[in-house]
Full PDB file with SEQRES, HELIX, SHEET, SSBOND, CRYST1, ORIGX, SCALE, CONECT and MASTER records, all heavy atoms in Angstrom:
SEQRES   1 A   31  GLU THR TYR ARG ALA GLU ILE GLU ASN ARG TYR GLY ARG          
SEQRES   2 A   31  LEU ALA VAL THR ALA ALA SER TYR ALA ALA ALA SER GLY          
SEQRES   3 A   31  ARG PHE TYR PRO VAL                                          
HELIX    1 AA1 THR A    2  TYR A   11  1                                  10    
HELIX    2 AA2 ARG A   13  SER A   25  1                                  13    
CRYST1    1.000    1.000    1.000  90.00  90.00  90.00 P 1           1          
ORIGX1      1.000000  0.000000  0.000000        0.00000                         
ORIGX2      0.000000  1.000000  0.000000        0.00000                         
ORIGX3      0.000000  0.000000  1.000000        0.00000                         
SCALE1      1.000000  0.000000  0.000000        0.00000                         
SCALE2      0.000000  1.000000  0.000000        0.00000                         
SCALE3      0.000000  0.000000  1.000000        0.00000                         
ATOM      1  N   GLU A   1     -21.430   7.245   2.677  1.00  0.00           N  
ATOM      2  CA  GLU A   1     -22.089   7.018   1.422  1.00  0.00           C  
ATOM      3  C   GLU A   1     -21.632   7.975   0.354  1.00  0.00           C  
ATOM      4  O   GLU A   1     -21.490   7.625  -0.859  1.00  0.00           O  
ATOM      5  CB  GLU A   1     -23.548   6.932   1.532  1.00  0.00           C  
ATOM      6  CG  GLU A   1     -24.320   6.569   0.279  1.00  0.00           C  
ATOM      7  CD  GLU A   1     -23.677   5.138  -0.356  1.00  0.00           C  
ATOM      8  OE1 GLU A   1     -23.480   4.261   0.449  1.00  0.00           O  
ATOM      9  OE2 GLU A   1     -23.641   5.131  -1.573  1.00  0.00           O  
ATOM     10  N   THR A   2     -21.623   9.287   0.727  1.00  0.00           N  
ATOM     11  CA  THR A   2     -21.033  10.250  -0.217  1.00  0.00           C  
ATOM     12  C   THR A   2     -19.616   9.954  -0.750  1.00  0.00           C  
ATOM     13  O   THR A   2     -19.429  10.099  -1.963  1.00  0.00           O  
ATOM     14  CB  THR A   2     -21.102  11.711   0.493  1.00  0.00           C  
ATOM     15  OG1 THR A   2     -22.452  11.915   0.960  1.00  0.00           O  
ATOM     16  CG2 THR A   2     -20.640  12.726  -0.549  1.00  0.00           C  
ATOM     17  N   TYR A   3     -18.806   9.622   0.220  1.00  0.00           N  
ATOM     18  CA  TYR A   3     -17.423   9.237  -0.175  1.00  0.00           C  
ATOM     19  C   TYR A   3     -17.353   8.045  -1.143  1.00  0.00           C  
ATOM     20  O   TYR A   3     -16.689   8.060  -2.121  1.00  0.00           O  
ATOM     21  CB  TYR A   3     -16.493   9.097   0.942  1.00  0.00           C  
ATOM     22  CG  TYR A   3     -16.332  10.313   1.759  1.00  0.00           C  
ATOM     23  CD1 TYR A   3     -16.508  10.209   3.151  1.00  0.00           C  
ATOM     24  CD2 TYR A   3     -15.859  11.587   1.255  1.00  0.00           C  
ATOM     25  CE1 TYR A   3     -16.276  11.416   4.018  1.00  0.00           C  
ATOM     26  CE2 TYR A   3     -15.735  12.734   2.030  1.00  0.00           C  
ATOM     27  CZ  TYR A   3     -15.988  12.672   3.407  1.00  0.00           C  
ATOM     28  OH  TYR A   3     -15.811  13.708   4.102  1.00  0.00           O  
ATOM     29  N   ARG A   4     -18.133   7.030  -0.653  1.00  0.00           N  
ATOM     30  CA  ARG A   4     -18.249   5.721  -1.476  1.00  0.00           C  
ATOM     31  C   ARG A   4     -18.655   6.013  -2.803  1.00  0.00           C  
ATOM     32  O   ARG A   4     -18.075   5.554  -3.827  1.00  0.00           O  
ATOM     33  CB  ARG A   4     -19.044   4.727  -0.710  1.00  0.00           C  
ATOM     34  CG  ARG A   4     -19.231   3.382  -1.529  1.00  0.00           C  
ATOM     35  CD  ARG A   4     -20.005   2.365  -0.932  1.00  0.00           C  
ATOM     36  NE  ARG A   4     -20.995   2.765   0.072  1.00  0.00           N  
ATOM     37  CZ  ARG A   4     -20.942   2.551   1.387  1.00  0.00           C  
ATOM     38  NH1 ARG A   4     -19.977   1.803   1.825  1.00  0.00           N  
ATOM     39  NH2 ARG A   4     -21.838   2.905   2.172  1.00  0.00           N  
ATOM     40  N   ALA A   5     -19.805   6.781  -2.931  1.00  0.00           N  
ATOM     41  CA  ALA A   5     -20.354   7.113  -4.270  1.00  0.00           C  
ATOM     42  C   ALA A   5     -19.354   7.908  -5.157  1.00  0.00           C  
ATOM     43  O   ALA A   5     -19.116   7.614  -6.395  1.00  0.00           O  
ATOM     44  CB  ALA A   5     -21.586   7.833  -4.155  1.00  0.00           C  
ATOM     45  N   GLU A   6     -18.521   8.767  -4.514  1.00  0.00           N  
ATOM     46  CA  GLU A   6     -17.561   9.645  -5.270  1.00  0.00           C  
ATOM     47  C   GLU A   6     -16.495   8.651  -5.813  1.00  0.00           C  
ATOM     48  O   GLU A   6     -16.137   8.777  -7.042  1.00  0.00           O  
ATOM     49  CB  GLU A   6     -17.077  10.683  -4.516  1.00  0.00           C  
ATOM     50  CG  GLU A   6     -16.120  11.561  -5.346  1.00  0.00           C  
ATOM     51  CD  GLU A   6     -15.686  12.873  -4.566  1.00  0.00           C  
ATOM     52  OE1 GLU A   6     -16.224  13.296  -3.537  1.00  0.00           O  
ATOM     53  OE2 GLU A   6     -14.791  13.487  -5.102  1.00  0.00           O  
ATOM     54  N   ILE A   7     -15.982   7.800  -5.010  1.00  0.00           N  
ATOM     55  CA  ILE A   7     -14.957   6.956  -5.381  1.00  0.00           C  
ATOM     56  C   ILE A   7     -15.429   5.904  -6.530  1.00  0.00           C  
ATOM     57  O   ILE A   7     -14.875   5.729  -7.514  1.00  0.00           O  
ATOM     58  CB  ILE A   7     -14.412   6.043  -4.208  1.00  0.00           C  
ATOM     59  CG1 ILE A   7     -13.682   6.904  -3.249  1.00  0.00           C  
ATOM     60  CG2 ILE A   7     -13.487   4.943  -4.711  1.00  0.00           C  
ATOM     61  CD1 ILE A   7     -13.418   6.262  -1.874  1.00  0.00           C  
ATOM     62  N   GLU A   8     -16.590   5.424  -6.272  1.00  0.00           N  
ATOM     63  CA  GLU A   8     -17.188   4.434  -7.292  1.00  0.00           C  
ATOM     64  C   GLU A   8     -17.409   5.255  -8.701  1.00  0.00           C  
ATOM     65  O   GLU A   8     -17.089   4.696  -9.753  1.00  0.00           O  
ATOM     66  CB  GLU A   8     -18.428   3.834  -6.815  1.00  0.00           C  
ATOM     67  CG  GLU A   8     -19.004   2.782  -7.789  1.00  0.00           C  
ATOM     68  CD  GLU A   8     -20.085   2.001  -7.232  1.00  0.00           C  
ATOM     69  OE1 GLU A   8     -20.436   2.028  -6.027  1.00  0.00           O  
ATOM     70  OE2 GLU A   8     -20.570   1.171  -8.021  1.00  0.00           O  
ATOM     71  N   ASN A   9     -17.969   6.455  -8.628  1.00  0.00           N  
ATOM     72  CA  ASN A   9     -18.328   7.202  -9.849  1.00  0.00           C  
ATOM     73  C   ASN A   9     -17.003   7.538 -10.556  1.00  0.00           C  
ATOM     74  O   ASN A   9     -16.979   7.563 -11.795  1.00  0.00           O  
ATOM     75  CB  ASN A   9     -19.044   8.462  -9.523  1.00  0.00           C  
ATOM     76  CG  ASN A   9     -20.464   8.194  -9.106  1.00  0.00           C  
ATOM     77  OD1 ASN A   9     -21.034   7.138  -9.489  1.00  0.00           O  
ATOM     78  ND2 ASN A   9     -21.061   9.120  -8.448  1.00  0.00           N  
ATOM     79  N   ARG A  10     -15.935   7.803  -9.855  1.00  0.00           N  
ATOM     80  CA  ARG A  10     -14.714   8.270 -10.532  1.00  0.00           C  
ATOM     81  C   ARG A  10     -13.816   7.040 -11.006  1.00  0.00           C  
ATOM     82  O   ARG A  10     -13.167   7.139 -12.014  1.00  0.00           O  
ATOM     83  CB  ARG A  10     -13.861   9.165  -9.585  1.00  0.00           C  
ATOM     84  CG  ARG A  10     -14.544  10.540  -9.431  1.00  0.00           C  
ATOM     85  CD  ARG A  10     -14.048  11.367  -8.292  1.00  0.00           C  
ATOM     86  NE  ARG A  10     -12.650  11.806  -8.559  1.00  0.00           N  
ATOM     87  CZ  ARG A  10     -11.995  12.577  -7.668  1.00  0.00           C  
ATOM     88  NH1 ARG A  10     -12.431  12.833  -6.489  1.00  0.00           N  
ATOM     89  NH2 ARG A  10     -10.716  12.965  -8.045  1.00  0.00           N  
ATOM     90  N   TYR A  11     -13.794   5.984 -10.125  1.00  0.00           N  
ATOM     91  CA  TYR A  11     -12.881   4.927 -10.414  1.00  0.00           C  
ATOM     92  C   TYR A  11     -13.386   3.564 -10.449  1.00  0.00           C  
ATOM     93  O   TYR A  11     -12.724   2.590 -10.776  1.00  0.00           O  
ATOM     94  CB  TYR A  11     -11.797   4.890  -9.297  1.00  0.00           C  
ATOM     95  CG  TYR A  11     -10.948   6.194  -9.262  1.00  0.00           C  
ATOM     96  CD1 TYR A  11     -11.147   7.183  -8.270  1.00  0.00           C  
ATOM     97  CD2 TYR A  11     -10.029   6.421 -10.295  1.00  0.00           C  
ATOM     98  CE1 TYR A  11     -10.423   8.355  -8.424  1.00  0.00           C  
ATOM     99  CE2 TYR A  11      -9.325   7.615 -10.359  1.00  0.00           C  
ATOM    100  CZ  TYR A  11      -9.530   8.597  -9.327  1.00  0.00           C  
ATOM    101  OH  TYR A  11      -8.755   9.699  -9.438  1.00  0.00           O  
ATOM    102  N   GLY A  12     -14.728   3.373 -10.136  1.00  0.00           N  
ATOM    103  CA  GLY A  12     -15.290   2.031 -10.196  1.00  0.00           C  
ATOM    104  C   GLY A  12     -15.433   1.399  -8.891  1.00  0.00           C  
ATOM    105  O   GLY A  12     -14.753   1.725  -7.865  1.00  0.00           O  
ATOM    106  N   ARG A  13     -16.098   0.289  -8.950  1.00  0.00           N  
ATOM    107  CA  ARG A  13     -16.356  -0.552  -7.751  1.00  0.00           C  
ATOM    108  C   ARG A  13     -15.022  -1.175  -7.085  1.00  0.00           C  
ATOM    109  O   ARG A  13     -14.952  -1.243  -5.811  1.00  0.00           O  
ATOM    110  CB  ARG A  13     -17.393  -1.662  -8.009  1.00  0.00           C  
ATOM    111  CG  ARG A  13     -17.872  -2.427  -6.875  1.00  0.00           C  
ATOM    112  CD  ARG A  13     -18.874  -1.548  -6.110  1.00  0.00           C  
ATOM    113  NE  ARG A  13     -19.154  -2.363  -4.854  1.00  0.00           N  
ATOM    114  CZ  ARG A  13     -19.482  -1.869  -3.664  1.00  0.00           C  
ATOM    115  NH1 ARG A  13     -19.476  -0.499  -3.529  1.00  0.00           N  
ATOM    116  NH2 ARG A  13     -19.672  -2.531  -2.673  1.00  0.00           N  
ATOM    117  N   LEU A  14     -14.133  -1.508  -8.090  1.00  0.00           N  
ATOM    118  CA  LEU A  14     -12.999  -2.063  -7.512  1.00  0.00           C  
ATOM    119  C   LEU A  14     -12.126  -1.103  -6.622  1.00  0.00           C  
ATOM    120  O   LEU A  14     -11.534  -1.533  -5.704  1.00  0.00           O  
ATOM    121  CB  LEU A  14     -12.120  -2.413  -8.695  1.00  0.00           C  
ATOM    122  CG  LEU A  14     -10.931  -3.307  -8.440  1.00  0.00           C  
ATOM    123  CD1 LEU A  14     -11.318  -4.677  -7.776  1.00  0.00           C  
ATOM    124  CD2 LEU A  14     -10.184  -3.617  -9.821  1.00  0.00           C  
ATOM    125  N   ALA A  15     -12.219   0.114  -6.860  1.00  0.00           N  
ATOM    126  CA  ALA A  15     -11.474   1.109  -6.068  1.00  0.00           C  
ATOM    127  C   ALA A  15     -12.192   1.269  -4.683  1.00  0.00           C  
ATOM    128  O   ALA A  15     -11.531   1.350  -3.665  1.00  0.00           O  
ATOM    129  CB  ALA A  15     -11.434   2.515  -6.723  1.00  0.00           C  
ATOM    130  N   VAL A  16     -13.565   1.108  -4.726  1.00  0.00           N  
ATOM    131  CA  VAL A  16     -14.264   1.079  -3.317  1.00  0.00           C  
ATOM    132  C   VAL A  16     -13.791  -0.144  -2.557  1.00  0.00           C  
ATOM    133  O   VAL A  16     -13.452  -0.031  -1.367  1.00  0.00           O  
ATOM    134  CB  VAL A  16     -15.695   1.071  -3.564  1.00  0.00           C  
ATOM    135  CG1 VAL A  16     -16.452   0.856  -2.224  1.00  0.00           C  
ATOM    136  CG2 VAL A  16     -16.140   2.364  -4.279  1.00  0.00           C  
ATOM    137  N   THR A  17     -13.633  -1.301  -3.215  1.00  0.00           N  
ATOM    138  CA  THR A  17     -13.142  -2.440  -2.543  1.00  0.00           C  
ATOM    139  C   THR A  17     -11.728  -2.300  -1.966  1.00  0.00           C  
ATOM    140  O   THR A  17     -11.461  -2.643  -0.783  1.00  0.00           O  
ATOM    141  CB  THR A  17     -13.244  -3.646  -3.432  1.00  0.00           C  
ATOM    142  OG1 THR A  17     -14.612  -3.861  -3.995  1.00  0.00           O  
ATOM    143  CG2 THR A  17     -12.689  -4.965  -2.798  1.00  0.00           C  
ATOM    144  N   ALA A  18     -10.861  -1.741  -2.860  1.00  0.00           N  
ATOM    145  CA  ALA A  18      -9.517  -1.520  -2.316  1.00  0.00           C  
ATOM    146  C   ALA A  18      -9.444  -0.523  -1.134  1.00  0.00           C  
ATOM    147  O   ALA A  18      -8.724  -0.823  -0.212  1.00  0.00           O  
ATOM    148  CB  ALA A  18      -8.618  -1.067  -3.498  1.00  0.00           C  
ATOM    149  N   ALA A  19     -10.197   0.500  -1.285  1.00  0.00           N  
ATOM    150  CA  ALA A  19     -10.188   1.408  -0.168  1.00  0.00           C  
ATOM    151  C   ALA A  19     -10.853   0.868   1.074  1.00  0.00           C  
ATOM    152  O   ALA A  19     -10.439   1.196   2.212  1.00  0.00           O  
ATOM    153  CB  ALA A  19     -11.002   2.718  -0.582  1.00  0.00           C  
ATOM    154  N   SER A  20     -11.803  -0.010   0.873  1.00  0.00           N  
ATOM    155  CA  SER A  20     -12.465  -0.692   2.075  1.00  0.00           C  
ATOM    156  C   SER A  20     -11.468  -1.597   2.745  1.00  0.00           C  
ATOM    157  O   SER A  20     -11.366  -1.734   3.995  1.00  0.00           O  
ATOM    158  CB  SER A  20     -13.637  -1.437   1.626  1.00  0.00           C  
ATOM    159  OG  SER A  20     -14.681  -0.502   1.122  1.00  0.00           O  
ATOM    160  N   TYR A  21     -10.676  -2.373   1.901  1.00  0.00           N  
ATOM    161  CA  TYR A  21      -9.736  -3.295   2.508  1.00  0.00           C  
ATOM    162  C   TYR A  21      -8.706  -2.458   3.307  1.00  0.00           C  
ATOM    163  O   TYR A  21      -8.289  -2.754   4.279  1.00  0.00           O  
ATOM    164  CB  TYR A  21      -8.903  -4.055   1.487  1.00  0.00           C  
ATOM    165  CG  TYR A  21      -9.561  -5.274   0.909  1.00  0.00           C  
ATOM    166  CD1 TYR A  21      -9.119  -5.804  -0.277  1.00  0.00           C  
ATOM    167  CD2 TYR A  21     -10.549  -5.982   1.542  1.00  0.00           C  
ATOM    168  CE1 TYR A  21      -9.705  -7.038  -0.779  1.00  0.00           C  
ATOM    169  CE2 TYR A  21     -11.155  -7.050   1.171  1.00  0.00           C  
ATOM    170  CZ  TYR A  21     -10.802  -7.627  -0.115  1.00  0.00           C  
ATOM    171  OH  TYR A  21     -11.311  -8.731  -0.580  1.00  0.00           O  
ATOM    172  N   ALA A  22      -8.251  -1.347   2.699  1.00  0.00           N  
ATOM    173  CA  ALA A  22      -7.247  -0.400   3.425  1.00  0.00           C  
ATOM    174  C   ALA A  22      -7.786   0.018   4.620  1.00  0.00           C  
ATOM    175  O   ALA A  22      -7.118   0.150   5.670  1.00  0.00           O  
ATOM    176  CB  ALA A  22      -6.823   0.679   2.396  1.00  0.00           C  
ATOM    177  N   ALA A  23      -9.036   0.526   4.555  1.00  0.00           N  
ATOM    178  CA  ALA A  23      -9.677   1.162   5.831  1.00  0.00           C  
ATOM    179  C   ALA A  23      -9.792   0.120   6.910  1.00  0.00           C  
ATOM    180  O   ALA A  23      -9.603   0.483   8.204  1.00  0.00           O  
ATOM    181  CB  ALA A  23     -10.989   1.712   5.469  1.00  0.00           C  
ATOM    182  N   ALA A  24     -10.059  -1.066   6.534  1.00  0.00           N  
ATOM    183  CA  ALA A  24     -10.152  -2.195   7.607  1.00  0.00           C  
ATOM    184  C   ALA A  24      -8.840  -2.684   8.104  1.00  0.00           C  
ATOM    185  O   ALA A  24      -8.743  -2.989   9.328  1.00  0.00           O  
ATOM    186  CB  ALA A  24     -11.039  -3.295   7.047  1.00  0.00           C  
ATOM    187  N   SER A  25      -7.850  -2.782   7.214  1.00  0.00           N  
ATOM    188  CA  SER A  25      -6.661  -3.472   7.615  1.00  0.00           C  
ATOM    189  C   SER A  25      -5.451  -2.542   8.058  1.00  0.00           C  
ATOM    190  O   SER A  25      -4.655  -3.010   8.727  1.00  0.00           O  
ATOM    191  CB  SER A  25      -6.223  -4.248   6.385  1.00  0.00           C  
ATOM    192  OG  SER A  25      -5.754  -3.354   5.290  1.00  0.00           O  
ATOM    193  N   GLY A  26      -5.512  -1.232   7.795  1.00  0.00           N  
ATOM    194  CA  GLY A  26      -4.379  -0.395   8.203  1.00  0.00           C  
ATOM    195  C   GLY A  26      -4.276  -0.360   9.795  1.00  0.00           C  
ATOM    196  O   GLY A  26      -3.096  -0.229  10.193  1.00  0.00           O  
ATOM    197  N   ARG A  27      -5.269  -0.672  10.477  1.00  0.00           N  
ATOM    198  CA  ARG A  27      -5.172  -0.641  11.882  1.00  0.00           C  
ATOM    199  C   ARG A  27      -4.619  -2.047  12.474  1.00  0.00           C  
ATOM    200  O   ARG A  27      -4.243  -2.062  13.655  1.00  0.00           O  
ATOM    201  CB  ARG A  27      -6.500  -0.370  12.560  1.00  0.00           C  
ATOM    202  CG  ARG A  27      -7.047   0.940  12.161  1.00  0.00           C  
ATOM    203  CD  ARG A  27      -8.403   1.275  12.841  1.00  0.00           C  
ATOM    204  NE  ARG A  27      -9.416   0.359  12.439  1.00  0.00           N  
ATOM    205  CZ  ARG A  27     -10.586   0.216  13.013  1.00  0.00           C  
ATOM    206  NH1 ARG A  27     -10.894   0.892  14.090  1.00  0.00           N  
ATOM    207  NH2 ARG A  27     -11.509  -0.609  12.617  1.00  0.00           N  
ATOM    208  N   PHE A  28      -4.537  -2.989  11.719  1.00  0.00           N  
ATOM    209  CA  PHE A  28      -4.117  -4.252  12.161  1.00  0.00           C  
ATOM    210  C   PHE A  28      -2.644  -4.228  12.769  1.00  0.00           C  
ATOM    211  O   PHE A  28      -2.552  -4.763  13.895  1.00  0.00           O  
ATOM    212  CB  PHE A  28      -4.159  -5.339  11.013  1.00  0.00           C  
ATOM    213  CG  PHE A  28      -3.561  -6.690  11.370  1.00  0.00           C  
ATOM    214  CD1 PHE A  28      -4.301  -7.482  12.148  1.00  0.00           C  
ATOM    215  CD2 PHE A  28      -2.193  -6.978  11.108  1.00  0.00           C  
ATOM    216  CE1 PHE A  28      -3.752  -8.802  12.517  1.00  0.00           C  
ATOM    217  CE2 PHE A  28      -1.654  -8.148  11.495  1.00  0.00           C  
ATOM    218  CZ  PHE A  28      -2.463  -9.081  12.155  1.00  0.00           C  
ATOM    219  N   TYR A  29      -1.785  -3.640  12.118  1.00  0.00           N  
ATOM    220  CA  TYR A  29      -0.385  -3.885  12.493  1.00  0.00           C  
ATOM    221  C   TYR A  29      -0.174  -3.061  13.878  1.00  0.00           C  
ATOM    222  O   TYR A  29       0.452  -3.536  14.763  1.00  0.00           O  
ATOM    223  CB  TYR A  29       0.638  -3.450  11.503  1.00  0.00           C  
ATOM    224  CG  TYR A  29       0.734  -4.402  10.423  1.00  0.00           C  
ATOM    225  CD1 TYR A  29      -0.076  -4.214   9.155  1.00  0.00           C  
ATOM    226  CD2 TYR A  29       1.327  -5.607  10.532  1.00  0.00           C  
ATOM    227  CE1 TYR A  29       0.066  -5.231   8.231  1.00  0.00           C  
ATOM    228  CE2 TYR A  29       1.489  -6.575   9.479  1.00  0.00           C  
ATOM    229  CZ  TYR A  29       0.800  -6.305   8.301  1.00  0.00           C  
ATOM    230  OH  TYR A  29       0.708  -7.247   7.350  1.00  0.00           O  
ATOM    231  N   PRO A  30      -0.656  -1.764  13.974  1.00  0.00           N  
ATOM    232  CA  PRO A  30      -0.383  -1.053  15.187  1.00  0.00           C  
ATOM    233  C   PRO A  30      -1.140  -1.693  16.399  1.00  0.00           C  
ATOM    234  O   PRO A  30      -0.481  -1.799  17.555  1.00  0.00           O  
ATOM    235  CB  PRO A  30      -0.991   0.341  15.043  1.00  0.00           C  
ATOM    236  CG  PRO A  30      -1.400   0.398  13.580  1.00  0.00           C  
ATOM    237  CD  PRO A  30      -1.223  -0.884  12.911  1.00  0.00           C  
ATOM    238  N   VAL A  31      -2.289  -2.271  16.088  1.00  0.00           N  
ATOM    239  CA  VAL A  31      -2.989  -2.974  17.254  1.00  0.00           C  
ATOM    240  C   VAL A  31      -2.378  -4.260  17.603  1.00  0.00           C  
ATOM    241  O   VAL A  31      -2.164  -4.561  18.753  1.00  0.00           O  
ATOM    242  CB  VAL A  31      -4.565  -3.142  16.786  1.00  0.00           C  
ATOM    243  CG1 VAL A  31      -5.260  -4.058  17.817  1.00  0.00           C  
ATOM    244  CG2 VAL A  31      -5.259  -1.910  16.670  1.00  0.00           C  
TER     245      VAL A  31                                                      
MASTER        0    0    0    2    0    0    0    6  244    1    0    3          
END                                                                             
């Protein structure tokens, strides 16, 4: 929550969404 709030405060909700997509999907290819 601390990281999410910092990203949102600095860059907005869209940056949180992009980071969330990246966090969820980066593991896809190696797996």
